[in-house]
Every structure is written in C-alpha cells, then in structure tokens.
Amino acid sequence: MNRYIFLLSCAVVVSLAAPNAAGAAPKLKASPSLKAGRLVVTLTSKQALTPKTRPRSVSVASGAATYKLKRVSSAKRKSVWRSKPLAAGQLAALGGKQVRIRVKTRAGALALKRSVPAAAPAPGPGGGTAPAPPAGGGAPGANPPGLTLTRDDAAGRQALAGGDLLLERTESGNAVMTYRRLFLYANGLYRFEKADWNSVSGEICDSEARREGSWAFKEGYTFPERGGGVVVKLAITTGGQTADDVLAFANQDPGNVYVGTDLVPFERNPNMRDQC
C-alpha cells in the first residue's frame, strides 16, 4: 500500500514538472510589418498549434505607445494579427524601429523584440507602383501616352467636385473574377482593395493589396485628344509614404475614369461599398 502511494506521488511530481505545464510558453516566430496602413504581426510555429499554445492576444509596444492587435486569420501553424488603421505619423514612427511584441497563450506569455521593416511604396490601383513626383513640378510623371497637357488647376478641381469618387475594375480569369476597387472620398480619405471571386469560395479579399490613407489634389491639366478631357495629379499617402498618381477623365467616356500613366480604365460605381 505504501509502495503504491509512493509511486503515485512520483507520477504527480513528474506530471507537474512536464514541459507542457502551464507557464511554459510555446516557441513562436514573430514577423512584424506595415501593410495597408496597419501594423501586422505574423506568428508561426514549427509545431501544430493547440488550444493551449494558440495565441489568444497580441500587443506591440514602441516607446510609450502600445498597440493591441486583432486576429485576422488562423491556420494550423500560423496566425496573423493586425492593428486598427494607423495615422501616417504612427506608421512613420514604427517603420525601421525595434518594437516589443507580447503574445499571450494558455500555456504562458511570450515576449519578443523585433524590428519593423519600413513600409513599401504604395502600389497604384492598376497594379504597379504609383509614379514618383516629377522633378521641377511639371506635368504628372511620364505623361499619359498620346495626350498633350495644358496646366489648368480649375478644370482639375472641377473634375473631382462631384462628391465621393468610387471606381471599380473587373478582370476575368479562369473561373475567377478579380475586382480592384478605388475609393476617393470627398473628405480626403483614400482606400484601395483587391478581391477574387469564384463560384466555390465566393469573394475573398486580398489583405496584402489593401491600402488605406488619404488623398489630396495637386495639379490639373486639360488635353484636346480623343474628344478632350482632364487629367488630375493626386498625392496619395498610405503607410506613412506619399506618392503621386494620375486620373484621366475623358469627355466622350463619362462612365469611366482612367487611372495611372498607363490609363487603366475603371468604371464609376456610385453604389460600391468597402467589402474587405
């Protein structure tokens, strides 16, 4: 009887000392980044996450500021967390800086120090990088091909005076429809999103492509070709960085707006809503 009690006591002691006991935080790799105007932390594990080791909360501290993140996706060995949209000053303060990441799990808490890479330049709605500002304040970037531009800021402002400018481009692929949506709100807020749709999964947003920030009018131009129209140069600020982009309004095609120096057509959609 005494021998049985001794063995049972040993088993209890071994169990309490086991590596998976509460307080033994899991080994996780944390990768912070700045995407679409938010702070994003991607957590990965070599082992499959369990209810005990799965991250339950994530926060990031930088100087005196602390950012609480929300989980946006979760897989067997990975979870992605992101902050609410941040102001340009906050993003600039985070880019290139070392931050302190705290992860809480049921198995224990984990504290890591990581550096946040500087935000990448914002891509233009057509898929490429928005053109850099031209030297000397001339016509926008590499001029849209085949257009003779004459400076006219009044015409440029008038082209944008109709309230919110909501633009959408649809591209067809093999059983997949890709939507690019550009939101230029009258209050100066800017948003770009990309989503794929198919009959099996429905619409899936591309969180990596999403951009949020602000826009401001810079310059306006008129052109006589193709029935005439107006070109507007905008300053787009996302992720703490500002780049120029171009919109072209053609008199003969009022239902579309052409975006970027490649004049990628986007359809006006006044009923479009932010869905990502």
C-alpha atoms as a PDB file:
ATOM      1  CA  MET A   1       0.000   0.000   0.000  1.00  0.00           C
ATOM      2  CA  ASN A   2       2.776   2.412   0.953  1.00  0.00           C
ATOM      3  CA  ARG A   3       4.677   1.484  -2.234  1.00  0.00           C
ATOM      4  CA  TYR A   4       1.563   2.299  -4.319  1.00  0.00           C
ATOM      5  CA  ILE A   5       1.196   5.698  -2.666  1.00  0.00           C
ATOM      6  CA  PHE A   6       4.907   6.449  -3.276  1.00  0.00           C
ATOM      7  CA  LEU A   7       4.651   5.605  -6.995  1.00  0.00           C
ATOM      8  CA  LEU A   8       1.514   7.704  -7.351  1.00  0.00           C
ATOM      9  CA  SER A   9       3.249  10.656  -5.682  1.00  0.00           C
ATOM     10  CA  CYS A  10       6.182  10.356  -8.092  1.00  0.00           C
ATOM     11  CA  ALA A  11       3.819  10.343 -11.049  1.00  0.00           C
ATOM     12  CA  VAL A  12       2.165  13.525  -9.825  1.00  0.00           C
ATOM     13  CA  VAL A  13       5.556  15.238  -9.395  1.00  0.00           C
ATOM     14  CA  VAL A  14       6.666  14.204 -12.905  1.00  0.00           C
ATOM     15  CA  SER A  15       3.386  15.429 -14.359  1.00  0.00           C
ATOM     16  CA  LEU A  16       3.754  18.838 -12.689  1.00  0.00           C
ATOM     17  CA  ALA A  17       7.307  19.145 -13.984  1.00  0.00           C
ATOM     18  CA  ALA A  18       6.387  18.229 -17.574  1.00  0.00           C
ATOM     19  CA  PRO A  19       7.487  20.702 -20.270  1.00  0.00           C
ATOM     20  CA  ASN A  20       3.907  21.343 -21.392  1.00  0.00           C
ATOM     21  CA  ALA A  21       2.811  22.568 -17.976  1.00  0.00           C
ATOM     22  CA  ALA A  22       1.133  25.942 -17.672  1.00  0.00           C
ATOM     23  CA  GLY A  23       3.690  28.751 -17.742  1.00  0.00           C
ATOM     24  CA  ALA A  24       5.852  27.122 -20.449  1.00  0.00           C
ATOM     25  CA  ALA A  25       5.135  29.432 -23.378  1.00  0.00           C
ATOM     26  CA  PRO A  26       5.271  27.893 -26.879  1.00  0.00           C
ATOM     27  CA  LYS A  27       8.116  28.694 -29.255  1.00  0.00           C
ATOM     28  CA  LEU A  28       6.746  31.139 -31.815  1.00  0.00           C
ATOM     29  CA  LYS A  29       8.384  33.205 -34.526  1.00  0.00           C
ATOM     30  CA  ALA A  30       7.041  36.768 -34.857  1.00  0.00           C
ATOM     31  CA  SER A  31       7.367  38.830 -38.038  1.00  0.00           C
ATOM     32  CA  PRO A  32       6.069  42.424 -37.795  1.00  0.00           C
ATOM     33  CA  SER A  33       5.347  44.546 -40.874  1.00  0.00           C
ATOM     34  CA  LEU A  34       3.424  47.623 -42.026  1.00  0.00           C
ATOM     35  CA  LYS A  35       0.707  46.771 -44.540  1.00  0.00           C
ATOM     36  CA  ALA A  36      -2.257  48.742 -45.837  1.00  0.00           C
ATOM     37  CA  GLY A  37      -1.845  51.409 -43.174  1.00  0.00           C
ATOM     38  CA  ARG A  38      -1.802  48.923 -40.281  1.00  0.00           C
ATOM     39  CA  LEU A  39       0.726  47.193 -38.066  1.00  0.00           C
ATOM     40  CA  VAL A  40       0.666  43.450 -38.820  1.00  0.00           C
ATOM     41  CA  VAL A  41       2.313  40.643 -36.840  1.00  0.00           C
ATOM     42  CA  THR A  42       2.544  37.147 -38.338  1.00  0.00           C
ATOM     43  CA  LEU A  43       3.144  34.354 -35.809  1.00  0.00           C
ATOM     44  CA  THR A  44       4.417  30.952 -36.942  1.00  0.00           C
ATOM     45  CA  SER A  45       5.231  27.727 -35.132  1.00  0.00           C
ATOM     46  CA  LYS A  46       7.165  24.610 -36.152  1.00  0.00           C
ATOM     47  CA  GLN A  47       4.633  22.555 -34.200  1.00  0.00           C
ATOM     48  CA  ALA A  48       0.900  22.459 -34.839  1.00  0.00           C
ATOM     49  CA  LEU A  49      -0.831  24.914 -32.543  1.00  0.00           C
ATOM     50  CA  THR A  50      -3.198  23.512 -29.919  1.00  0.00           C
ATOM     51  CA  PRO A  51      -5.916  25.207 -27.847  1.00  0.00           C
ATOM     52  CA  LYS A  52      -3.242  25.579 -25.168  1.00  0.00           C
ATOM     53  CA  THR A  53      -0.463  27.029 -27.359  1.00  0.00           C
ATOM     54  CA  ARG A  54      -2.581  29.030 -29.806  1.00  0.00           C
ATOM     55  CA  PRO A  55      -2.086  32.830 -29.382  1.00  0.00           C
ATOM     56  CA  ARG A  56      -5.027  34.452 -27.599  1.00  0.00           C
ATOM     57  CA  SER A  57      -3.881  38.083 -27.613  1.00  0.00           C
ATOM     58  CA  VAL A  58      -1.069  40.094 -29.195  1.00  0.00           C
ATOM     59  CA  SER A  59       0.154  43.591 -28.366  1.00  0.00           C
ATOM     60  CA  VAL A  60       3.065  45.646 -29.644  1.00  0.00           C
ATOM     61  CA  ALA A  61       4.877  48.336 -27.655  1.00  0.00           C
ATOM     62  CA  SER A  62       7.024  51.034 -29.259  1.00  0.00           C
ATOM     63  CA  GLY A  63       8.348  53.733 -26.954  1.00  0.00           C
ATOM     64  CA  ALA A  64       5.403  54.923 -24.855  1.00  0.00           C
ATOM     65  CA  ALA A  65       2.795  53.670 -27.356  1.00  0.00           C
ATOM     66  CA  THR A  66       1.110  50.266 -27.149  1.00  0.00           C
ATOM     67  CA  TYR A  67      -0.965  48.776 -29.969  1.00  0.00           C
ATOM     68  CA  LYS A  68      -3.470  45.990 -29.364  1.00  0.00           C
ATOM     69  CA  LEU A  69      -3.876  43.718 -32.371  1.00  0.00           C
ATOM     70  CA  LYS A  70      -6.808  41.582 -33.516  1.00  0.00           C
ATOM     71  CA  ARG A  71      -6.538  38.168 -35.141  1.00  0.00           C
ATOM     72  CA  VAL A  72      -7.478  38.236 -38.839  1.00  0.00           C
ATOM     73  CA  SER A  73      -6.563  34.667 -39.841  1.00  0.00           C
ATOM     74  CA  SER A  74      -5.516  31.413 -38.218  1.00  0.00           C
ATOM     75  CA  ALA A  75      -4.079  28.152 -39.540  1.00  0.00           C
ATOM     76  CA  LYS A  76      -2.520  25.012 -38.078  1.00  0.00           C
ATOM     77  CA  ARG A  77       0.923  26.592 -37.614  1.00  0.00           C
ATOM     78  CA  LYS A  78       0.276  30.270 -38.297  1.00  0.00           C
ATOM     79  CA  SER A  79      -1.860  33.198 -37.202  1.00  0.00           C
ATOM     80  CA  VAL A  80      -1.947  36.795 -38.436  1.00  0.00           C
ATOM     81  CA  TRP A  81      -2.778  39.778 -36.223  1.00  0.00           C
ATOM     82  CA  ARG A  82      -3.196  43.430 -37.162  1.00  0.00           C
ATOM     83  CA  SER A  83      -3.921  46.788 -35.592  1.00  0.00           C
ATOM     84  CA  LYS A  84      -6.676  49.220 -36.438  1.00  0.00           C
ATOM     85  CA  PRO A  85      -5.788  51.735 -39.211  1.00  0.00           C
ATOM     86  CA  LEU A  86      -2.943  53.953 -38.018  1.00  0.00           C
ATOM     87  CA  ALA A  87      -2.193  57.601 -38.721  1.00  0.00           C
ATOM     88  CA  ALA A  88       0.708  58.478 -41.007  1.00  0.00           C
ATOM     89  CA  GLY A  89       2.735  59.732 -38.029  1.00  0.00           C
ATOM     90  CA  GLN A  90       2.254  56.457 -36.156  1.00  0.00           C
ATOM     91  CA  LEU A  91       3.330  54.414 -39.176  1.00  0.00           C
ATOM     92  CA  ALA A  92       6.379  56.587 -39.723  1.00  0.00           C
ATOM     93  CA  ALA A  93       7.342  56.165 -36.040  1.00  0.00           C
ATOM     94  CA  LEU A  94       7.138  52.364 -36.354  1.00  0.00           C
ATOM     95  CA  GLY A  95       8.952  51.879 -39.668  1.00  0.00           C
ATOM     96  CA  GLY A  96      12.550  50.729 -39.190  1.00  0.00           C
ATOM     97  CA  LYS A  97      12.207  50.703 -35.383  1.00  0.00           C
ATOM     98  CA  GLN A  98      12.577  47.880 -32.859  1.00  0.00           C
ATOM     99  CA  VAL A  99       9.361  47.006 -31.041  1.00  0.00           C
ATOM    100  CA  ARG A 100       8.370  44.724 -28.173  1.00  0.00           C
ATOM    101  CA  ILE A 101       5.822  42.056 -29.052  1.00  0.00           C
ATOM    102  CA  ARG A 102       3.866  40.328 -26.265  1.00  0.00           C
ATOM    103  CA  VAL A 103       1.895  37.176 -27.042  1.00  0.00           C
ATOM    104  CA  LYS A 104      -0.423  35.514 -24.541  1.00  0.00           C
ATOM    105  CA  THR A 105      -1.408  31.842 -24.695  1.00  0.00           C
ATOM    106  CA  ARG A 106      -2.964  29.469 -22.201  1.00  0.00           C
ATOM    107  CA  ALA A 107       0.464  27.861 -21.848  1.00  0.00           C
ATOM    108  CA  GLY A 108       2.107  31.144 -20.901  1.00  0.00           C
ATOM    109  CA  ALA A 109       3.187  34.543 -22.214  1.00  0.00           C
ATOM    110  CA  LEU A 110       5.912  35.238 -24.752  1.00  0.00           C
ATOM    111  CA  ALA A 111       7.889  38.498 -25.102  1.00  0.00           C
ATOM    112  CA  LEU A 112       9.941  39.197 -28.222  1.00  0.00           C
ATOM    113  CA  LYS A 113      11.903  42.121 -29.645  1.00  0.00           C
ATOM    114  CA  ARG A 114      11.760  42.577 -33.399  1.00  0.00           C
ATOM    115  CA  SER A 115      12.436  45.346 -35.918  1.00  0.00           C
ATOM    116  CA  VAL A 116       9.609  46.590 -38.134  1.00  0.00           C
ATOM    117  CA  PRO A 117      10.642  46.967 -41.796  1.00  0.00           C
ATOM    118  CA  ALA A 118       9.883  50.331 -43.358  1.00  0.00           C
ATOM    119  CA  ALA A 119       6.645  50.387 -45.351  1.00  0.00           C
ATOM    120  CA  ALA A 120       6.946  49.638 -49.061  1.00  0.00           C
ATOM    121  CA  PRO A 121       5.831  52.295 -51.565  1.00  0.00           C
ATOM    122  CA  ALA A 122       2.096  52.117 -52.197  1.00  0.00           C
ATOM    123  CA  PRO A 123       1.107  50.293 -55.403  1.00  0.00           C
ATOM    124  CA  GLY A 124      -1.054  52.103 -57.910  1.00  0.00           C
ATOM    125  CA  PRO A 125      -4.587  50.795 -58.472  1.00  0.00           C
ATOM    126  CA  GLY A 126      -3.549  49.391 -61.860  1.00  0.00           C
ATOM    127  CA  GLY A 127      -1.193  47.009 -60.071  1.00  0.00           C
ATOM    128  CA  GLY A 128       2.141  48.826 -60.354  1.00  0.00           C
ATOM    129  CA  THR A 129       3.810  51.362 -58.110  1.00  0.00           C
ATOM    130  CA  ALA A 130       2.364  54.834 -58.188  1.00  0.00           C
ATOM    131  CA  PRO A 131       4.617  57.159 -60.251  1.00  0.00           C
ATOM    132  CA  ALA A 132       7.123  59.291 -58.375  1.00  0.00           C
ATOM    133  CA  PRO A 133       6.658  63.072 -58.331  1.00  0.00           C
ATOM    134  CA  PRO A 134       8.259  64.692 -61.385  1.00  0.00           C
ATOM    135  CA  ALA A 135      11.281  66.931 -60.941  1.00  0.00           C
ATOM    136  CA  GLY A 136      10.545  70.642 -61.276  1.00  0.00           C
ATOM    137  CA  GLY A 137       6.774  70.350 -60.798  1.00  0.00           C
ATOM    138  CA  GLY A 138       5.955  69.743 -64.456  1.00  0.00           C
ATOM    139  CA  ALA A 139       3.253  67.511 -65.951  1.00  0.00           C
ATOM    140  CA  PRO A 140       2.495  64.318 -63.999  1.00  0.00           C
ATOM    141  CA  GLY A 141       5.288  61.764 -64.139  1.00  0.00           C
ATOM    142  CA  ALA A 142       5.705  60.234 -67.565  1.00  0.00           C
ATOM    143  CA  ASN A 143       2.750  61.857 -69.338  1.00  0.00           C
ATOM    144  CA  PRO A 144      -0.140  59.578 -70.291  1.00  0.00           C
ATOM    145  CA  PRO A 145       0.682  58.443 -73.832  1.00  0.00           C
ATOM    146  CA  GLY A 146      -0.705  60.466 -76.727  1.00  0.00           C
ATOM    147  CA  LEU A 147      -2.001  63.381 -74.625  1.00  0.00           C
ATOM    148  CA  THR A 148      -0.948  66.997 -74.897  1.00  0.00           C
ATOM    149  CA  LEU A 149      -1.363  68.505 -71.435  1.00  0.00           C
ATOM    150  CA  THR A 150      -2.064  72.145 -70.606  1.00  0.00           C
ATOM    151  CA  ARG A 151      -1.986  73.198 -66.946  1.00  0.00           C
ATOM    152  CA  ASP A 152      -5.492  74.021 -65.644  1.00  0.00           C
ATOM    153  CA  ASP A 153      -5.996  73.511 -61.900  1.00  0.00           C
ATOM    154  CA  ALA A 154      -9.567  74.832 -62.013  1.00  0.00           C
ATOM    155  CA  ALA A 155     -10.569  72.138 -64.508  1.00  0.00           C
ATOM    156  CA  GLY A 156      -8.851  69.510 -62.372  1.00  0.00           C
ATOM    157  CA  ARG A 157     -10.692  70.534 -59.227  1.00  0.00           C
ATOM    158  CA  GLN A 158     -13.993  70.621 -61.113  1.00  0.00           C
ATOM    159  CA  ALA A 159     -13.454  67.029 -62.298  1.00  0.00           C
ATOM    160  CA  LEU A 160     -13.273  65.946 -58.652  1.00  0.00           C
ATOM    161  CA  ALA A 161     -16.134  68.131 -57.400  1.00  0.00           C
ATOM    162  CA  GLY A 162     -18.946  65.572 -57.665  1.00  0.00           C
ATOM    163  CA  GLY A 163     -18.558  64.077 -54.180  1.00  0.00           C
ATOM    164  CA  ASP A 164     -17.131  60.614 -53.483  1.00  0.00           C
ATOM    165  CA  LEU A 165     -15.345  59.071 -56.473  1.00  0.00           C
ATOM    166  CA  LEU A 166     -15.867  55.283 -56.334  1.00  0.00           C
ATOM    167  CA  LEU A 167     -14.187  53.276 -59.089  1.00  0.00           C
ATOM    168  CA  GLU A 168     -14.137  49.552 -59.855  1.00  0.00           C
ATOM    169  CA  ARG A 169     -12.297  47.411 -62.385  1.00  0.00           C
ATOM    170  CA  THR A 170     -13.274  43.802 -63.158  1.00  0.00           C
ATOM    171  CA  GLU A 171     -10.820  41.341 -64.712  1.00  0.00           C
ATOM    172  CA  SER A 172     -11.836  37.849 -65.858  1.00  0.00           C
ATOM    173  CA  GLY A 173      -9.604  34.801 -65.485  1.00  0.00           C
ATOM    174  CA  ASN A 174     -10.033  31.035 -65.480  1.00  0.00           C
ATOM    175  CA  ALA A 175     -13.202  30.717 -63.374  1.00  0.00           C
ATOM    176  CA  VAL A 176     -12.003  33.677 -61.275  1.00  0.00           C
ATOM    177  CA  MET A 177     -13.127  37.298 -61.334  1.00  0.00           C
ATOM    178  CA  THR A 178     -10.735  39.866 -59.887  1.00  0.00           C
ATOM    179  CA  TYR A 179     -12.101  43.159 -58.584  1.00  0.00           C
ATOM    180  CA  ARG A 180      -9.979  46.249 -57.985  1.00  0.00           C
ATOM    181  CA  ARG A 181     -11.804  48.977 -56.076  1.00  0.00           C
ATOM    182  CA  LEU A 182     -10.633  52.537 -55.633  1.00  0.00           C
ATOM    183  CA  PHE A 183     -12.324  54.811 -53.074  1.00  0.00           C
ATOM    184  CA  LEU A 184     -11.592  58.547 -53.182  1.00  0.00           C
ATOM    185  CA  TYR A 185     -13.904  60.040 -50.579  1.00  0.00           C
ATOM    186  CA  ALA A 186     -14.802  63.716 -50.684  1.00  0.00           C
ATOM    187  CA  ASN A 187     -13.430  64.146 -47.147  1.00  0.00           C
ATOM    188  CA  GLY A 188      -9.935  63.187 -48.338  1.00  0.00           C
ATOM    189  CA  LEU A 189      -9.880  59.547 -47.227  1.00  0.00           C
ATOM    190  CA  TYR A 190      -8.354  57.037 -49.656  1.00  0.00           C
ATOM    191  CA  ARG A 191      -8.814  53.281 -49.885  1.00  0.00           C
ATOM    192  CA  PHE A 192      -7.804  50.637 -52.419  1.00  0.00           C
ATOM    193  CA  GLU A 193      -8.787  46.979 -52.250  1.00  0.00           C
ATOM    194  CA  LYS A 194      -8.476  43.884 -54.413  1.00  0.00           C
ATOM    195  CA  ALA A 195     -10.647  40.760 -54.231  1.00  0.00           C
ATOM    196  CA  ASP A 196     -11.041  37.497 -56.160  1.00  0.00           C
ATOM    197  CA  TRP A 197     -14.386  35.785 -56.706  1.00  0.00           C
ATOM    198  CA  ASN A 198     -15.267  32.249 -57.792  1.00  0.00           C
ATOM    199  CA  SER A 199     -18.410  30.157 -57.555  1.00  0.00           C
ATOM    200  CA  VAL A 200     -16.943  27.836 -54.896  1.00  0.00           C
ATOM    201  CA  SER A 201     -15.419  30.213 -52.335  1.00  0.00           C
ATOM    202  CA  GLY A 202     -17.282  33.401 -53.157  1.00  0.00           C
ATOM    203  CA  GLU A 203     -15.359  36.655 -52.748  1.00  0.00           C
ATOM    204  CA  ILE A 204     -12.003  36.545 -50.982  1.00  0.00           C
ATOM    205  CA  CYS A 205     -10.242  39.817 -50.162  1.00  0.00           C
ATOM    206  CA  ASP A 206      -6.508  40.218 -50.706  1.00  0.00           C
ATOM    207  CA  SER A 207      -5.408  41.773 -47.413  1.00  0.00           C
ATOM    208  CA  GLU A 208      -1.861  42.251 -48.728  1.00  0.00           C
ATOM    209  CA  ALA A 209      -3.099  44.549 -51.515  1.00  0.00           C
ATOM    210  CA  ARG A 210      -5.379  46.693 -49.360  1.00  0.00           C
ATOM    211  CA  ARG A 211      -4.270  50.302 -48.853  1.00  0.00           C
ATOM    212  CA  GLU A 212      -5.784  52.993 -46.641  1.00  0.00           C
ATOM    213  CA  GLY A 213      -4.753  56.588 -46.210  1.00  0.00           C
ATOM    214  CA  SER A 214      -5.534  59.995 -47.655  1.00  0.00           C
ATOM    215  CA  TRP A 215      -5.509  61.814 -50.978  1.00  0.00           C
ATOM    216  CA  ALA A 216      -5.028  65.444 -51.936  1.00  0.00           C
ATOM    217  CA  PHE A 217      -5.341  67.385 -55.178  1.00  0.00           C
ATOM    218  CA  LYS A 218      -2.011  68.570 -56.607  1.00  0.00           C
ATOM    219  CA  GLU A 219      -2.400  69.692 -60.224  1.00  0.00           C
ATOM    220  CA  GLY A 220      -4.913  69.727 -63.062  1.00  0.00           C
ATOM    221  CA  TYR A 221      -4.459  69.609 -66.838  1.00  0.00           C
ATOM    222  CA  THR A 222      -6.661  69.580 -69.931  1.00  0.00           C
ATOM    223  CA  PHE A 223      -5.998  67.702 -73.161  1.00  0.00           C
ATOM    224  CA  PRO A 224      -7.594  68.020 -76.671  1.00  0.00           C
ATOM    225  CA  GLU A 225      -7.057  64.474 -77.970  1.00  0.00           C
ATOM    226  CA  ARG A 226      -9.787  61.767 -78.027  1.00  0.00           C
ATOM    227  CA  GLY A 227     -12.565  64.300 -77.687  1.00  0.00           C
ATOM    228  CA  GLY A 228     -10.808  66.191 -74.916  1.00  0.00           C
ATOM    229  CA  GLY A 229     -10.766  65.768 -71.173  1.00  0.00           C
ATOM    230  CA  VAL A 230      -8.991  66.451 -67.909  1.00  0.00           C
ATOM    231  CA  VAL A 231      -6.001  64.883 -66.192  1.00  0.00           C
ATOM    232  CA  VAL A 232      -5.611  65.244 -62.424  1.00  0.00           C
ATOM    233  CA  LYS A 233      -2.480  64.575 -60.419  1.00  0.00           C
ATOM    234  CA  LEU A 234      -3.103  63.441 -56.840  1.00  0.00           C
ATOM    235  CA  ALA A 235      -0.867  62.939 -53.829  1.00  0.00           C
ATOM    236  CA  ILE A 236      -1.710  59.566 -52.265  1.00  0.00           C
ATOM    237  CA  THR A 237      -0.476  58.903 -48.720  1.00  0.00           C
ATOM    238  CA  THR A 238      -0.561  55.340 -47.354  1.00  0.00           C
ATOM    239  CA  GLY A 239       1.677  53.506 -44.922  1.00  0.00           C
ATOM    240  CA  GLY A 240       3.425  56.740 -43.946  1.00  0.00           C
ATOM    241  CA  GLN A 241       4.630  57.406 -47.509  1.00  0.00           C
ATOM    242  CA  THR A 242       3.326  59.744 -50.210  1.00  0.00           C
ATOM    243  CA  ALA A 243       3.437  59.147 -53.969  1.00  0.00           C
ATOM    244  CA  ASP A 244       1.742  60.701 -56.973  1.00  0.00           C
ATOM    245  CA  ASP A 245      -0.932  59.045 -59.072  1.00  0.00           C
ATOM    246  CA  VAL A 246      -2.912  60.189 -62.102  1.00  0.00           C
ATOM    247  CA  LEU A 247      -6.599  60.169 -63.048  1.00  0.00           C
ATOM    248  CA  ALA A 248      -7.840  60.968 -66.560  1.00  0.00           C
ATOM    249  CA  PHE A 249     -11.447  61.997 -67.287  1.00  0.00           C
ATOM    250  CA  ALA A 250     -12.469  61.694 -70.969  1.00  0.00           C
ATOM    251  CA  ASN A 251     -15.374  63.808 -72.232  1.00  0.00           C
ATOM    252  CA  GLN A 252     -16.547  61.038 -74.581  1.00  0.00           C
ATOM    253  CA  ASP A 253     -16.489  58.350 -71.871  1.00  0.00           C
ATOM    254  CA  PRO A 254     -18.026  59.808 -68.682  1.00  0.00           C
ATOM    255  CA  GLY A 255     -18.789  56.357 -67.229  1.00  0.00           C
ATOM    256  CA  ASN A 256     -15.104  55.511 -66.829  1.00  0.00           C
ATOM    257  CA  VAL A 257     -12.062  57.102 -65.234  1.00  0.00           C
ATOM    258  CA  TYR A 258      -8.572  56.153 -66.416  1.00  0.00           C
ATOM    259  CA  VAL A 259      -6.022  55.526 -63.672  1.00  0.00           C
ATOM    260  CA  GLY A 260      -2.236  55.849 -63.801  1.00  0.00           C
ATOM    261  CA  THR A 261       0.026  56.839 -66.675  1.00  0.00           C
ATOM    262  CA  ASP A 262      -0.986  53.586 -68.399  1.00  0.00           C
ATOM    263  CA  LEU A 263      -4.599  54.862 -68.402  1.00  0.00           C
ATOM    264  CA  VAL A 264      -6.108  51.713 -66.882  1.00  0.00           C
ATOM    265  CA  PRO A 265      -9.920  52.036 -67.194  1.00  0.00           C
ATOM    266  CA  PHE A 266     -12.022  51.896 -64.018  1.00  0.00           C
ATOM    267  CA  GLU A 267     -15.820  52.063 -64.102  1.00  0.00           C
ATOM    268  CA  ARG A 268     -17.669  54.561 -61.951  1.00  0.00           C
ATOM    269  CA  ASN A 269     -19.763  52.712 -59.371  1.00  0.00           C
ATOM    270  CA  PRO A 270     -21.559  55.176 -57.068  1.00  0.00           C
ATOM    271  CA  ASN A 271     -23.134  52.304 -55.082  1.00  0.00           C
ATOM    272  CA  MET A 272     -19.848  50.499 -54.402  1.00  0.00           C
ATOM    273  CA  ARG A 273     -19.151  49.639 -50.764  1.00  0.00           C
ATOM    274  CA  ASP A 274     -15.994  48.740 -48.914  1.00  0.00           C
ATOM    275  CA  GLN A 275     -16.242  44.935 -48.596  1.00  0.00           C
ATOM    276  CA  CYS A 276     -12.774  43.879 -47.423  1.00  0.00           C
END
